Amino acid sequence: MSGDEEAAPGLRERARHAVRAELARLALDLFTSRGYEETTVEDVARAAGMSKRSFFRYFPTKEDVVFGDLELMAARIAEEIAGRPADEPPWRCLTAVLADWQDRIHAGQRELTGLRLIESSPTLRARLHQKRDELRALVAEALRARPGARLDAFTADLLTGAAAAALDAAGREWLRSEGRADRAALLTRAFALLEPRDAAPDVGATA
């Protein structure tokens, strides 16, 4: 196999990612100007110069175009959790990785627009909660699977739920501030307020 043939899958994936990103940008602009419920998949596809059938090759539903690559992001978060030091307390492991990802995905005004859109649509809020439940389960499992971890399912679920609540609270406060608040500082404060008193590595250990 030639070097060009080996590179082709990577090039195709980058091209696919670029199309998904452009579709998401166009969709957000249309949803914001026309309203989410009032904008159809056909409208988004037409703006992108593609057919409705082609749209569904990139996103399975209209709702999914709003949330981008949440599944991929969750998988990468799980990988990073697995790669953290084995003796790091689970809460600190979890919050360190999430804080790092928060910095990476922060997108300024466009993210602010997206959050407002989700808050304004019951359909999108419901979809977001569904996706978060699925992704939280993946992250909780990664936390339990760390080398040397002795977390039971209940504790892992509780820790990931608390971290998700901190992310939500920081996001809502940032939204209330019209994007002017220091979101990283809000998240650090939220994580500190929720940190377990006993942050030892064996918190939640099974008998």
Foldseek 3Di string as FASTA:
>chain_A
DDPVVVCVVVVVVVVLLVLLVVLLVQLLVCCLVPNLVRDDCQNSQVVVVHHSVVVCVNPVDSLVSLVRPPVVVLVVLLVQLQVDDLFFQLLCSNLVSVLVVCVVPDDFPSVLSSVVNCVVDPVNVVVVVVSLVVSLLSNLVSSCPHVPAQADSVVSSVSSVQLVVQLVVLVVVCSVVVNPDDSSVSSVVSSVVPPDPPRGRHVRGDD
